[in-house]
Amino acid sequence: MAAEATGTHKDPVTGEMISKTELKRREKQREKDAKKAEKAAAAPQAASTKPTGPNEDDLNPNQYFELRSRAVQKLKETQSPNPYPHKFEVTKSITAFIEEYGPEGLIAPGQKLEGTTVRLAGRIHNIRSSGSKLKFYDLHGEGKHVQILANVRDASDEASFTATQQIFRRGDVVGVVGTPSRSQKGELSISPSEMVLLAPNLHQLPSGHFGLKDQETRYRKRYLDLILSDDTRRIFITRSKVINYLRRYLDNLGFLEVETPMTSILAGGANAKPFVTHHNDLNLDLYLRVAPELYLKELTVGGLDRVYEIGRVFRNEGIDLTHNPEFTLCEFYMAYADMYDLMEITENLLEGMVKSINNGSTVMKYHPEGKDGKELVMDFKTPWKRYDMIETLEENTGVKFPPGETLHTEAANKFLRDLCVKHNVDCSEPRTNARLLDKLVGEFIEPLCISPAFIVGHPQVMSPLAKQHRSRPGLCERFEGFVCGKEFCNAYTELNDPFEQRLRFEEQARQKEQGDDEAQGVDETFVDALEHGLPPTAGWGMGIDRLVMFLTDSPNIKEVLLFPAMKPLETPANTSANAPAPSGQV
């Protein structure tokens, strides 16, 4: 009723909300496509050497969809067979089948392993015919594939077997009951006595051996990308291994995994612009978390001396090759430790992780996008190089920086502005001391960090939650880990002085009032927790998505996110009267 009131209707095929006129136009076009497809199906073939029936690769996507949909609807009506059965008993995965029956000498070419019956399931990728009674299928699953050698003489019911063969198309999910065998050419196969359609694919499966070529389609239809690309599957298996290794490493060090809120009244724990949402029952605007830091430190105050969390965080920032507005972060807090302990942990963690996914080697290669194909070689072997921020900036700019204890002043701001102008380093407003320093580091130090390295000696003005340096006034005890010129981790000796923390929060709040929407406000709950006593503690955070980029040679962060943030496609549904208005909320 709501759709009719606004003059829009749901397209039964695409699910879009469109106008009545557009719906009628599409229905007429589909009828026309279906008739063309049926006509093509009925047309005789010119050469007797070609199989009868239409060449479905010559149909356009709409024609193929209409023809296939009608065929499957007919199967649903007749239930001969049911195209969507409830269950198929699988006795062996394709991977296990290959491992058990693949060894040379077990089955001779042209022979079957008599007396052995297995039940496999997977997706058909290719279909080839050899005469009227023999078909070859490539059955894919778990990143592996095996050949189906479908000979009518092996069928338990010849008529049913032959009829079923006519149903299968590329992309269908099928079940196979048969005997391990090898073709005459020696390829490991399964010779089926029965094949069952488990889920038909209504769309044309793109051909070729290299998966989808269109990048937009790969990101929007990740399921199709995974169907076609073993390399995409490899990336996400590696991602899972990275997270599992990280979790095991921390567990073995006695850390406790916890979960903290995704929404809160204040966005704290990192300098980042938050997303805003609204809680209806409480009638409160809330922020999606930009980091779990403050909650985790509150738990450390409570006596959980080693805690960590792996989860999603949300930052309302730009999207580029290394940034996505939501990403996976690991943070941990370790009581009675400092930044130097965490530098050693970071080196050992990453060296071991790389060895575990790289066949024992610490050397990996990375090919960044837009670098003229230049190959970057990373060596994760410990120890890593360390760059002192101010000292390295002085070396590369040829000027002496103001003393650390004055880097928060107006005079320092003018010095940093002039230095950025001199070296053509762009910094958008607000040009705070912290943002100007960060831009200079990005220009002069980060490009030096190809193999993993640490940047240390951060000015206090850049780190409102870090403890002041024990011997260098104006600096703090913090390090950032970089690889291929990009940050992947950040850590510091935690500030545990509630008096100093309140002053820093108030300074951040002033910056926020001046227009810095990435600055934090005053979190009274966190200050109260510090007033109960946070032991000397070190904290650490790592962006998992960005690290996985480097470990899988993926030049774009979208490659390592199953469902990256994408602009919606321009469709009638986006412009209809009932479409939601753009908003800053999520």
Protein backbone atom coordinates (compact mmCIF):
# COMPACT_ATOMS: atom_id res chain seq x y z
CA MET A 1 0.00 0.00 0.00
CA ALA A 2 2.85 2.38 0.85
CA ALA A 3 4.42 1.83 -2.56
CA GLU A 4 1.14 2.52 -4.36
CA ALA A 5 0.67 5.70 -2.35
CA THR A 6 3.99 7.06 -3.57
CA GLY A 7 3.50 5.84 -7.14
CA THR A 8 6.33 3.26 -6.96
CA HIS A 9 6.32 -0.50 -7.38
CA LYS A 10 8.81 -3.24 -6.63
CA ASP A 11 10.53 -4.86 -9.60
CA PRO A 12 10.09 -8.63 -8.94
CA VAL A 13 13.44 -9.43 -10.58
CA THR A 14 15.80 -6.74 -9.24
CA GLY A 15 13.90 -5.74 -6.08
CA GLU A 16 14.13 -2.03 -7.00
CA MET A 17 11.35 0.43 -6.24
CA ILE A 18 10.41 1.98 -9.61
CA SER A 19 7.56 3.84 -11.22
CA LYS A 20 4.57 2.00 -12.67
CA THR A 21 5.55 3.15 -16.17
CA GLU A 22 9.11 1.85 -15.78
CA LEU A 23 7.78 -1.47 -14.43
CA LYS A 24 5.53 -1.94 -17.47
CA ARG A 25 8.39 -1.08 -19.81
CA ARG A 26 10.64 -3.66 -18.17
CA GLU A 27 7.94 -6.36 -18.28
CA LYS A 28 7.42 -5.79 -22.00
CA GLN A 29 11.18 -5.93 -22.63
CA ARG A 30 11.47 -9.19 -20.69
CA GLU A 31 8.63 -10.72 -22.68
CA LYS A 32 10.41 -9.69 -25.88
CA ASP A 33 13.73 -11.14 -24.66
CA ALA A 34 12.07 -14.40 -23.63
CA LYS A 35 10.44 -14.81 -27.05
CA LYS A 36 13.78 -14.18 -28.77
CA ALA A 37 15.43 -16.74 -26.55
CA GLU A 38 12.73 -19.33 -27.21
CA LYS A 39 13.02 -18.68 -30.94
CA ALA A 40 16.78 -19.16 -30.75
CA ALA A 41 16.26 -22.39 -28.84
CA ALA A 42 13.93 -23.73 -31.53
CA ALA A 43 16.11 -22.73 -34.49
CA PRO A 44 17.95 -25.60 -36.26
CA GLN A 45 21.75 -25.57 -36.30
CA ALA A 46 23.46 -24.89 -39.61
CA ALA A 47 26.09 -27.62 -39.33
CA SER A 48 25.39 -31.24 -38.34
CA THR A 49 28.63 -31.34 -36.34
CA LYS A 50 27.24 -28.80 -33.84
CA PRO A 51 25.00 -29.83 -30.94
CA THR A 52 21.30 -29.08 -31.23
CA GLY A 53 19.80 -26.26 -29.17
CA PRO A 54 20.76 -22.61 -28.77
CA ASN A 55 24.25 -21.39 -28.20
CA GLU A 56 23.51 -19.84 -24.84
CA ASP A 57 26.78 -17.87 -24.83
CA ASP A 58 25.33 -15.82 -27.71
CA LEU A 59 22.28 -14.76 -25.68
CA ASN A 60 22.40 -11.43 -23.91
CA PRO A 61 22.12 -11.50 -20.08
CA ASN A 62 18.40 -10.66 -20.06
CA GLN A 63 17.59 -13.33 -22.65
CA TYR A 64 19.60 -15.94 -20.75
CA PHE A 65 17.99 -15.01 -17.43
CA GLU A 66 14.46 -15.21 -18.86
CA LEU A 67 15.08 -18.54 -20.59
CA ARG A 68 16.77 -20.08 -17.55
CA SER A 69 14.17 -18.72 -15.12
CA ARG A 70 11.32 -20.22 -17.11
CA ALA A 71 13.06 -23.57 -17.25
CA VAL A 72 13.63 -23.60 -13.50
CA GLN A 73 10.06 -22.45 -12.80
CA LYS A 74 8.84 -25.39 -14.88
CA LEU A 75 10.98 -27.76 -12.82
CA LYS A 76 9.48 -26.27 -9.64
CA GLU A 77 5.98 -26.92 -10.97
CA THR A 78 6.65 -30.49 -12.07
CA GLN A 79 9.16 -31.39 -9.31
CA SER A 80 10.98 -33.56 -11.85
CA PRO A 81 13.47 -33.00 -10.40
CA ASN A 82 13.02 -30.46 -7.59
CA PRO A 83 15.60 -27.75 -8.46
CA TYR A 84 15.94 -26.73 -4.79
CA PRO A 85 16.14 -29.93 -2.69
CA HIS A 86 16.43 -29.65 1.09
CA LYS A 87 19.47 -31.89 1.56
CA PHE A 88 22.26 -33.76 -0.17
CA GLU A 89 24.48 -36.00 1.90
CA VAL A 90 28.15 -35.16 1.25
CA THR A 91 30.62 -37.80 2.41
CA LYS A 92 33.84 -36.11 1.30
CA SER A 93 34.98 -32.59 0.43
CA ILE A 94 36.62 -31.98 -2.94
CA THR A 95 39.89 -31.21 -1.14
CA ALA A 96 39.76 -34.49 0.78
CA PHE A 97 38.82 -36.37 -2.42
CA ILE A 98 41.91 -35.03 -4.20
CA GLU A 99 44.19 -35.80 -1.24
CA GLU A 100 42.92 -39.38 -0.87
CA TYR A 101 42.55 -40.47 -4.49
CA GLY A 102 44.99 -38.13 -6.25
CA PRO A 103 48.33 -39.92 -5.59
CA GLU A 104 49.88 -41.41 -8.71
CA GLY A 105 49.53 -45.16 -9.06
CA LEU A 106 46.39 -45.52 -6.97
CA ILE A 107 44.10 -45.42 -10.02
CA ALA A 108 45.42 -46.21 -13.51
CA PRO A 109 44.41 -44.03 -16.50
CA GLY A 110 41.06 -45.16 -17.89
CA GLN A 111 40.24 -47.13 -14.72
CA LYS A 112 37.85 -46.76 -11.76
CA LEU A 113 38.34 -47.62 -8.09
CA GLU A 114 35.69 -50.34 -8.08
CA GLY A 115 33.73 -50.88 -4.89
CA THR A 116 34.25 -47.29 -3.65
CA THR A 117 31.39 -44.79 -3.66
CA VAL A 118 31.72 -41.15 -2.66
CA ARG A 119 29.30 -38.23 -2.61
CA LEU A 120 30.70 -34.83 -3.63
CA ALA A 121 29.08 -31.43 -4.09
CA GLY A 122 30.25 -28.21 -5.70
CA ARG A 123 29.69 -25.73 -8.50
CA ILE A 124 30.02 -26.55 -12.20
CA HIS A 125 32.40 -24.22 -14.04
CA ASN A 126 32.84 -25.85 -17.44
CA ILE A 127 30.85 -28.38 -19.46
CA ARG A 128 32.30 -30.29 -22.43
CA SER A 129 30.65 -33.01 -24.54
CA SER A 130 32.21 -35.98 -26.31
CA GLY A 131 29.41 -37.54 -28.29
CA SER A 132 25.87 -37.98 -27.01
CA LYS A 133 26.66 -40.23 -24.04
CA LEU A 134 29.75 -38.70 -22.47
CA LYS A 135 30.11 -35.31 -20.76
CA PHE A 136 32.93 -33.72 -18.79
CA TYR A 137 32.27 -31.20 -16.01
CA ASP A 138 34.69 -29.21 -13.85
CA LEU A 139 33.40 -29.33 -10.27
CA HIS A 140 34.75 -26.53 -8.04
CA GLY A 141 34.71 -26.18 -4.26
CA GLU A 142 37.01 -25.05 -1.39
CA GLY A 143 39.35 -23.48 -3.95
CA LYS A 144 39.95 -26.87 -5.65
CA HIS A 145 38.38 -28.62 -8.58
CA VAL A 146 37.90 -32.15 -9.86
CA GLN A 147 36.63 -33.53 -13.14
CA ILE A 148 33.26 -35.27 -13.43
CA LEU A 149 33.46 -37.95 -16.12
CA ALA A 150 29.73 -38.47 -16.77
CA ASN A 151 29.19 -41.57 -18.92
CA VAL A 152 25.68 -42.87 -19.46
CA ARG A 153 26.91 -46.46 -19.07
CA ASP A 154 27.81 -45.75 -15.42
CA ALA A 155 24.32 -44.42 -14.58
CA SER A 156 22.10 -46.25 -12.12
CA ASP A 157 19.07 -45.07 -14.15
CA GLU A 158 19.99 -44.25 -17.73
CA ALA A 159 16.82 -42.34 -18.65
CA SER A 160 16.87 -40.19 -15.51
CA PHE A 161 20.63 -39.61 -15.82
CA THR A 162 20.32 -38.43 -19.43
CA ALA A 163 17.40 -36.14 -18.63
CA THR A 164 19.31 -34.60 -15.72
CA GLN A 165 22.32 -33.85 -17.95
CA GLN A 166 20.13 -31.62 -20.10
CA ILE A 167 19.30 -29.43 -17.10
CA PHE A 168 22.82 -28.52 -15.97
CA ARG A 169 24.38 -25.18 -16.90
CA ARG A 170 27.63 -23.44 -15.95
CA GLY A 171 27.38 -22.07 -12.44
CA ASP A 172 24.90 -24.65 -11.13
CA VAL A 173 25.53 -26.24 -7.73
CA VAL A 174 25.29 -30.01 -8.07
CA GLY A 175 25.69 -33.17 -6.05
CA VAL A 176 27.53 -36.20 -7.46
CA VAL A 177 27.33 -39.85 -6.39
CA GLY A 178 30.02 -41.93 -8.02
CA THR A 179 33.32 -43.77 -8.07
CA PRO A 180 36.86 -42.30 -8.05
CA SER A 181 38.46 -42.76 -11.46
CA ARG A 182 40.94 -41.40 -13.97
CA SER A 183 40.30 -40.34 -17.54
CA GLN A 184 42.19 -41.88 -20.45
CA LYS A 185 44.58 -38.91 -20.20
CA GLY A 186 45.17 -39.66 -16.52
CA GLU A 187 43.16 -36.79 -14.96
CA LEU A 188 41.66 -37.56 -11.54
CA SER A 189 37.87 -37.76 -11.94
CA ILE A 190 34.68 -39.06 -10.42
CA SER A 191 32.50 -41.32 -12.56
CA PRO A 192 28.92 -40.65 -11.43
CA SER A 193 26.07 -43.09 -11.16
CA GLU A 194 23.82 -40.19 -10.21
CA MET A 195 23.95 -36.37 -10.43
CA VAL A 196 21.56 -34.05 -8.61
CA LEU A 197 20.79 -30.37 -9.20
CA LEU A 198 21.07 -28.63 -5.81
CA ALA A 199 20.78 -24.95 -6.77
CA PRO A 200 20.56 -23.60 -10.35
CA ASN A 201 22.41 -20.46 -11.38
CA LEU A 202 19.94 -18.23 -13.24
CA HIS A 203 22.62 -15.93 -14.66
CA GLN A 204 25.37 -16.40 -17.20
CA LEU A 205 28.61 -17.25 -15.46
CA PRO A 206 31.40 -15.08 -16.93
CA SER A 207 33.83 -17.14 -18.96
CA GLY A 208 37.60 -17.14 -18.81
CA HIS A 209 40.26 -18.33 -16.38
CA PHE A 210 41.08 -15.01 -14.72
CA GLY A 211 37.85 -14.21 -12.91
CA LEU A 212 35.99 -10.93 -13.20
CA LYS A 213 37.89 -8.17 -14.97
CA ASP A 214 35.60 -5.32 -13.94
CA GLN A 215 36.79 -4.02 -10.56
CA GLU A 216 33.48 -2.40 -9.64
CA THR A 217 31.62 -5.67 -10.20
CA ARG A 218 34.16 -7.57 -8.14
CA TYR A 219 33.61 -5.32 -5.12
CA ARG A 220 29.82 -5.06 -5.46
CA LYS A 221 29.28 -8.76 -6.17
CA ARG A 222 31.91 -10.38 -3.97
CA TYR A 223 30.04 -13.70 -4.16
CA LEU A 224 30.61 -13.75 -7.93
CA ASP A 225 34.24 -12.74 -7.48
CA LEU A 226 34.76 -15.63 -5.05
CA ILE A 227 33.05 -18.08 -7.42
CA LEU A 228 35.43 -17.15 -10.22
CA SER A 229 38.72 -16.16 -8.59
CA ASP A 230 40.99 -18.45 -6.59
CA ASP A 231 43.24 -15.45 -5.89
CA THR A 232 40.41 -13.60 -4.15
CA ARG A 233 39.78 -16.67 -2.05
CA ARG A 234 43.50 -16.80 -1.19
CA ILE A 235 43.45 -13.21 0.06
CA PHE A 236 40.63 -13.84 2.50
CA ILE A 237 42.08 -17.13 3.70
CA THR A 238 45.32 -15.23 4.45
CA ARG A 239 43.32 -12.55 6.24
CA SER A 240 41.75 -15.21 8.45
CA LYS A 241 45.18 -16.70 9.17
CA VAL A 242 46.51 -13.27 10.19
CA ILE A 243 43.68 -12.74 12.68
CA ASN A 244 43.97 -16.28 14.04
CA TYR A 245 47.74 -15.91 14.50
CA LEU A 246 47.27 -12.57 16.27
CA ARG A 247 44.66 -14.02 18.60
CA ARG A 248 46.80 -17.08 19.45
CA TYR A 249 49.88 -14.89 20.04
CA LEU A 250 48.08 -12.66 22.53
CA ASP A 251 46.33 -15.59 24.22
CA ASN A 252 49.71 -17.26 24.75
CA LEU A 253 50.97 -14.08 26.45
CA GLY A 254 48.13 -14.30 28.95
CA PHE A 255 45.85 -11.66 27.42
CA LEU A 256 42.06 -11.85 27.87
CA GLU A 257 39.86 -11.13 24.84
CA VAL A 258 36.92 -8.81 25.67
CA GLU A 259 34.15 -6.90 23.90
CA THR A 260 33.32 -3.23 24.44
CA PRO A 261 30.39 -1.05 23.22
CA MET A 262 30.09 -0.04 19.57
CA THR A 263 28.13 3.11 20.45
CA SER A 264 28.75 5.72 23.13
CA ILE A 265 27.77 9.24 24.16
CA LEU A 266 31.32 10.49 23.56
CA ALA A 267 33.67 9.49 20.75
CA GLY A 268 37.11 9.02 22.29
CA GLY A 269 40.27 7.00 22.05
CA ALA A 270 41.55 8.46 18.77
CA ASN A 271 41.62 11.71 16.80
CA ALA A 272 39.01 10.96 14.15
CA LYS A 273 35.67 12.32 12.95
CA PRO A 274 32.94 9.96 14.20
CA PHE A 275 29.69 8.75 12.66
CA VAL A 276 26.54 9.86 14.46
CA THR A 277 23.47 7.74 15.01
CA HIS A 278 20.36 8.08 17.18
CA HIS A 279 18.90 5.86 19.86
CA ASN A 280 15.12 6.19 19.71
CA ASP A 281 14.21 4.81 23.12
CA LEU A 282 16.79 6.91 24.97
CA ASN A 283 16.25 9.84 22.58
CA LEU A 284 20.03 10.30 22.43
CA ASP A 285 22.48 10.99 19.65
CA LEU A 286 25.29 8.46 19.93
CA TYR A 287 28.65 8.01 18.23
CA LEU A 288 29.89 4.86 16.58
CA ARG A 289 33.21 4.13 18.21
CA VAL A 290 36.40 5.36 16.61
CA ALA A 291 38.45 3.14 18.97
CA PRO A 292 37.83 0.89 22.00
CA GLU A 293 40.79 2.45 23.87
CA LEU A 294 39.11 4.20 26.79
CA TYR A 295 36.92 1.21 27.65
CA LEU A 296 39.89 -1.16 27.58
CA LYS A 297 41.91 1.07 29.89
CA GLU A 298 38.96 1.20 32.28
CA LEU A 299 39.13 -2.62 32.40
CA THR A 300 42.84 -2.39 33.19
CA VAL A 301 41.97 -0.08 36.09
CA GLY A 302 39.56 -2.82 37.20
CA GLY A 303 42.36 -5.37 37.46
CA LEU A 304 42.27 -7.06 34.04
CA ASP A 305 45.98 -6.54 33.53
CA ARG A 306 46.17 -7.82 29.95
CA VAL A 307 43.13 -7.25 27.73
CA TYR A 308 42.59 -7.07 23.98
CA GLU A 309 39.78 -6.66 21.49
CA ILE A 310 39.56 -7.42 17.78
CA GLY A 311 36.60 -5.66 16.17
CA ARG A 312 35.21 -3.03 13.85
CA VAL A 313 35.69 0.69 14.37
CA PHE A 314 34.17 3.54 12.38
CA ARG A 315 35.77 6.80 11.23
CA ASN A 316 33.91 9.28 9.06
CA GLU A 317 36.85 9.96 6.78
CA GLY A 318 37.68 9.77 3.10
CA ILE A 319 37.91 6.56 1.10
CA ASP A 320 41.14 5.90 -0.77
CA LEU A 321 43.59 3.08 -1.49
CA THR A 322 44.42 2.58 2.21
CA HIS A 323 41.32 3.94 4.01
CA ASN A 324 37.81 2.56 4.49
CA PRO A 325 35.31 4.24 6.85
CA GLU A 326 34.85 1.03 8.82
CA PHE A 327 37.79 -1.26 9.44
CA THR A 328 39.05 -3.98 11.75
CA LEU A 329 41.29 -2.95 14.61
CA CYS A 330 43.13 -4.90 17.28
CA GLU A 331 43.92 -3.05 20.50
CA PHE A 332 45.57 -4.44 23.61
CA TYR A 333 46.63 -3.01 26.97
CA MET A 334 49.37 -4.48 29.11
CA ALA A 335 49.81 -3.41 32.72
CA TYR A 336 53.33 -2.95 34.10
CA ALA A 337 54.80 -2.50 30.61
CA ASP A 338 55.97 0.49 28.53
CA MET A 339 56.39 1.35 24.85
CA TYR A 340 59.79 -0.35 24.66
CA ASP A 341 58.26 -3.68 25.74
CA LEU A 342 55.62 -3.28 23.03
CA MET A 343 58.17 -2.53 20.33
CA GLU A 344 59.78 -5.88 21.05
CA ILE A 345 56.39 -7.62 21.08
CA THR A 346 55.46 -5.98 17.76
CA GLU A 347 58.67 -7.10 16.07
CA ASN A 348 58.32 -10.69 17.30
CA LEU A 349 54.60 -10.82 16.49
CA LEU A 350 54.98 -9.65 12.90
CA GLU A 351 58.13 -11.67 12.16
CA GLY A 352 56.42 -14.85 13.36
CA MET A 353 53.18 -14.02 11.55
CA VAL A 354 54.95 -13.44 8.22
CA LYS A 355 56.91 -16.67 8.57
CA SER A 356 53.70 -18.59 9.27
CA ILE A 357 51.99 -17.43 6.05
CA ASN A 358 55.11 -17.14 3.86
CA ASN A 359 56.67 -20.60 4.11
CA GLY A 360 59.16 -19.58 6.77
CA SER A 361 60.56 -16.52 4.95
CA THR A 362 60.54 -12.98 6.37
CA VAL A 363 60.82 -11.35 2.93
CA MET A 364 57.69 -10.34 1.00
CA LYS A 365 57.06 -8.23 -2.10
CA TYR A 366 54.47 -5.53 -2.65
CA HIS A 367 53.37 -3.77 -5.84
CA PRO A 368 51.62 -0.47 -5.00
CA GLU A 369 49.09 0.97 -7.41
CA GLY A 370 50.20 3.92 -9.49
CA LYS A 371 53.95 3.49 -8.87
CA ASP A 372 54.91 2.56 -12.43
CA GLY A 373 55.03 -1.08 -11.43
CA LYS A 374 57.84 -0.46 -8.95
CA GLU A 375 58.26 -3.47 -6.68
CA LEU A 376 58.75 -2.88 -2.96
CA VAL A 377 60.64 -5.52 -0.99
CA MET A 378 59.83 -5.83 2.71
CA ASP A 379 61.91 -7.77 5.22
CA PHE A 380 60.19 -8.36 8.56
CA LYS A 381 63.30 -9.80 10.19
CA THR A 382 64.02 -8.25 13.60
CA PRO A 383 65.29 -5.81 14.77
CA TRP A 384 63.56 -3.05 12.79
CA LYS A 385 64.95 0.39 11.99
CA ARG A 386 63.86 3.29 14.23
CA TYR A 387 63.44 6.91 13.12
CA ASP A 388 63.36 9.72 15.69
CA MET A 389 60.69 12.13 14.43
CA ILE A 390 62.21 15.55 15.15
CA GLU A 391 65.79 14.50 14.45
CA THR A 392 64.85 12.93 11.11
CA LEU A 393 62.76 15.97 10.11
CA GLU A 394 65.71 18.23 10.91
CA GLU A 395 68.02 16.09 8.77
CA ASN A 396 65.63 16.10 5.81
CA THR A 397 64.52 19.73 5.94
CA GLY A 398 67.88 21.26 6.92
CA VAL A 399 66.38 23.42 9.69
CA LYS A 400 66.48 23.31 13.47
CA PHE A 401 63.10 22.70 15.11
CA PRO A 402 61.91 24.59 18.21
CA PRO A 403 62.52 22.83 21.55
CA GLY A 404 60.05 20.03 22.30
CA GLU A 405 58.46 21.85 25.23
CA THR A 406 57.47 24.76 22.91
CA LEU A 407 55.98 22.75 20.01
CA HIS A 408 52.46 23.49 21.26
CA THR A 409 52.85 27.30 21.03
CA GLU A 410 51.69 29.87 18.46
CA ALA A 411 55.32 30.53 17.56
CA ALA A 412 55.78 26.84 16.75
CA ASN A 413 52.59 26.94 14.66
CA LYS A 414 54.01 29.75 12.52
CA PHE A 415 57.30 27.87 12.16
CA LEU A 416 55.49 24.72 11.01
CA ARG A 417 53.20 26.62 8.62
CA ASP A 418 56.18 28.32 6.99
CA LEU A 419 58.04 25.02 6.71
CA CYS A 420 55.08 23.36 4.99
CA VAL A 421 54.80 26.24 2.53
CA LYS A 422 58.54 26.12 1.82
CA HIS A 423 58.40 22.40 0.94
CA ASN A 424 54.97 22.49 -0.77
CA VAL A 425 53.41 20.26 1.90
CA ASP A 426 49.65 20.69 1.76
CA CYS A 427 47.68 20.79 5.02
CA SER A 428 43.99 21.67 5.05
CA GLU A 429 42.40 23.69 7.83
CA PRO A 430 42.48 23.62 10.74
CA ARG A 431 46.28 23.90 10.55
CA THR A 432 46.95 22.89 14.13
CA ASN A 433 50.47 22.09 15.30
CA ALA A 434 49.62 18.37 15.44
CA ARG A 435 48.20 18.27 11.90
CA LEU A 436 51.12 20.24 10.46
CA LEU A 437 53.64 17.91 12.11
CA ASP A 438 51.74 14.89 10.83
CA LYS A 439 51.87 16.22 7.25
CA LEU A 440 55.62 16.83 7.48
CA VAL A 441 56.16 13.29 8.77
CA GLY A 442 54.11 11.99 5.82
CA GLU A 443 56.32 13.89 3.42
CA PHE A 444 59.80 13.26 4.84
CA ILE A 445 59.79 10.13 7.04
CA GLU A 446 57.04 7.72 6.04
CA PRO A 447 58.48 7.13 2.52
CA LEU A 448 61.69 5.85 4.18
CA CYS A 449 59.79 3.00 5.85
CA ILE A 450 59.56 0.32 3.14
CA SER A 451 60.62 -2.60 5.31
CA PRO A 452 58.81 -2.31 8.66
CA ALA A 453 60.20 0.46 10.84
CA PHE A 454 59.25 2.49 13.90
CA ILE A 455 58.83 6.27 14.15
CA VAL A 456 59.47 7.43 17.73
CA GLY A 457 59.90 10.70 19.63
CA HIS A 458 56.46 12.19 18.97
CA PRO A 459 55.75 15.67 20.38
CA GLN A 460 53.23 15.64 23.20
CA VAL A 461 50.87 17.86 21.20
CA MET A 462 50.27 14.95 18.79
CA SER A 463 49.35 12.40 21.48
CA PRO A 464 46.76 13.47 24.07
CA LEU A 465 46.58 10.00 25.64
CA ALA A 466 50.30 9.18 25.78
CA LYS A 467 52.57 9.59 28.80
CA GLN A 468 55.20 12.31 28.68
CA HIS A 469 58.72 11.18 27.78
CA ARG A 470 60.76 10.37 30.87
CA SER A 471 63.87 12.26 29.67
CA ARG A 472 62.86 14.52 26.73
CA PRO A 473 60.65 17.50 27.69
CA GLY A 474 57.71 18.16 25.35
CA LEU A 475 57.82 14.69 23.79
CA CYS A 476 55.91 11.57 24.72
CA GLU A 477 56.56 7.83 24.81
CA ARG A 478 54.91 6.70 21.60
CA PHE A 479 55.82 4.74 18.49
CA GLU A 480 54.14 4.10 15.16
CA GLY A 481 54.89 1.09 12.98
CA PHE A 482 55.17 1.71 9.23
CA VAL A 483 55.61 -0.57 6.24
CA CYS A 484 55.64 0.41 2.55
CA GLY A 485 55.32 4.01 3.72
CA LYS A 486 52.00 3.42 5.50
CA GLU A 487 51.16 3.21 9.20
CA PHE A 488 49.90 -0.15 10.42
CA CYS A 489 50.24 0.12 14.22
CA ASN A 490 50.40 2.76 16.94
CA ALA A 491 51.39 2.37 20.60
CA TYR A 492 52.48 4.28 23.66
CA THR A 493 53.18 4.24 27.33
CA GLU A 494 49.77 5.23 28.65
CA LEU A 495 49.10 8.46 30.47
CA ASN A 496 47.79 7.44 33.92
CA ASP A 497 47.84 10.82 35.66
CA PRO A 498 44.16 11.97 35.95
CA PHE A 499 45.14 15.62 36.53
CA GLU A 500 47.24 15.75 33.37
CA GLN A 501 44.64 13.77 31.41
CA ARG A 502 41.92 16.29 32.25
CA LEU A 503 44.12 19.17 31.07
CA ARG A 504 44.80 17.40 27.76
CA PHE A 505 41.13 16.61 27.24
CA GLU A 506 40.30 20.27 27.84
CA GLU A 507 42.91 21.31 25.28
CA GLN A 508 41.38 18.87 22.79
CA ALA A 509 37.94 20.30 23.51
CA ARG A 510 39.25 23.80 22.70
CA GLN A 511 40.62 22.51 19.39
CA LYS A 512 37.22 20.99 18.68
CA GLU A 513 35.55 24.35 19.30
CA GLN A 514 38.02 25.89 16.84
CA GLY A 515 36.81 23.56 14.10
CA ASP A 516 38.93 20.41 14.44
CA ASP A 517 36.19 17.76 14.13
CA GLU A 518 38.75 15.00 14.73
CA ALA A 519 39.63 16.25 18.22
CA GLN A 520 38.25 14.52 21.30
CA GLY A 521 36.13 15.99 24.08
CA VAL A 522 36.32 15.56 27.86
CA ASP A 523 35.34 12.04 28.94
CA GLU A 524 34.43 12.38 32.64
CA THR A 525 33.86 8.63 33.07
CA PHE A 526 37.36 7.86 31.85
CA VAL A 527 38.93 10.56 34.06
CA ASP A 528 37.03 9.11 37.03
CA ALA A 529 38.46 5.68 36.21
CA LEU A 530 41.99 7.12 36.16
CA GLU A 531 41.31 8.70 39.56
CA HIS A 532 40.90 5.15 40.90
CA GLY A 533 44.42 4.30 39.73
CA LEU A 534 45.60 2.96 36.37
CA PRO A 535 48.84 1.03 36.90
CA PRO A 536 51.81 1.80 34.62
CA THR A 537 50.46 0.47 31.34
CA ALA A 538 51.35 0.27 27.65
CA GLY A 539 48.70 0.22 24.91
CA TRP A 540 48.86 -0.89 21.27
CA GLY A 541 46.58 -0.77 18.22
CA MET A 542 46.91 -2.26 14.73
CA GLY A 543 44.77 -1.87 11.61
CA ILE A 544 44.33 -5.41 10.35
CA ASP A 545 42.95 -4.50 6.91
CA ARG A 546 45.96 -2.40 5.98
CA LEU A 547 48.43 -5.01 7.21
CA VAL A 548 46.67 -7.69 5.17
CA MET A 549 47.04 -5.46 2.09
CA PHE A 550 50.81 -5.66 2.38
CA LEU A 551 50.89 -9.36 3.25
CA THR A 552 48.75 -10.31 0.22
CA ASP A 553 50.25 -7.83 -2.30
CA SER A 554 46.89 -6.03 -2.62
CA PRO A 555 47.27 -2.40 -3.80
CA ASN A 556 43.75 -1.39 -2.75
CA ILE A 557 42.17 -1.85 0.69
CA LYS A 558 38.93 -2.88 -1.04
CA GLU A 559 40.72 -6.06 -2.13
CA VAL A 560 40.98 -7.27 1.48
CA LEU A 561 37.45 -6.27 2.59
CA LEU A 562 34.73 -8.72 1.67
CA PHE A 563 32.20 -5.91 1.42
CA PRO A 564 33.97 -2.53 1.06
CA ALA A 565 32.14 0.80 1.25
CA MET A 566 30.79 1.72 -2.20
CA LYS A 567 28.65 4.50 -3.59
CA PRO A 568 25.18 3.23 -4.54
CA LEU A 569 24.57 2.70 -8.23
CA GLU A 570 22.38 5.30 -9.88
CA THR A 571 19.01 3.57 -10.28
CA PRO A 572 15.39 4.77 -10.31
CA ALA A 573 15.15 3.49 -6.75
CA ASN A 574 17.71 6.07 -5.61
CA THR A 575 15.70 8.97 -6.98
CA SER A 576 12.15 7.83 -6.23
CA ALA A 577 9.87 9.78 -3.92
CA ASN A 578 10.26 7.28 -1.09
CA ALA A 579 14.07 7.19 -1.15
CA PRO A 580 15.64 8.38 2.12
CA ALA A 581 17.24 11.82 2.08
CA PRO A 582 21.03 12.01 2.45
CA SER A 583 22.06 12.26 6.07
CA GLY A 584 25.13 12.34 8.25
CA GLN A 585 23.65 9.53 10.30
CA VAL A 586 24.11 5.81 9.80
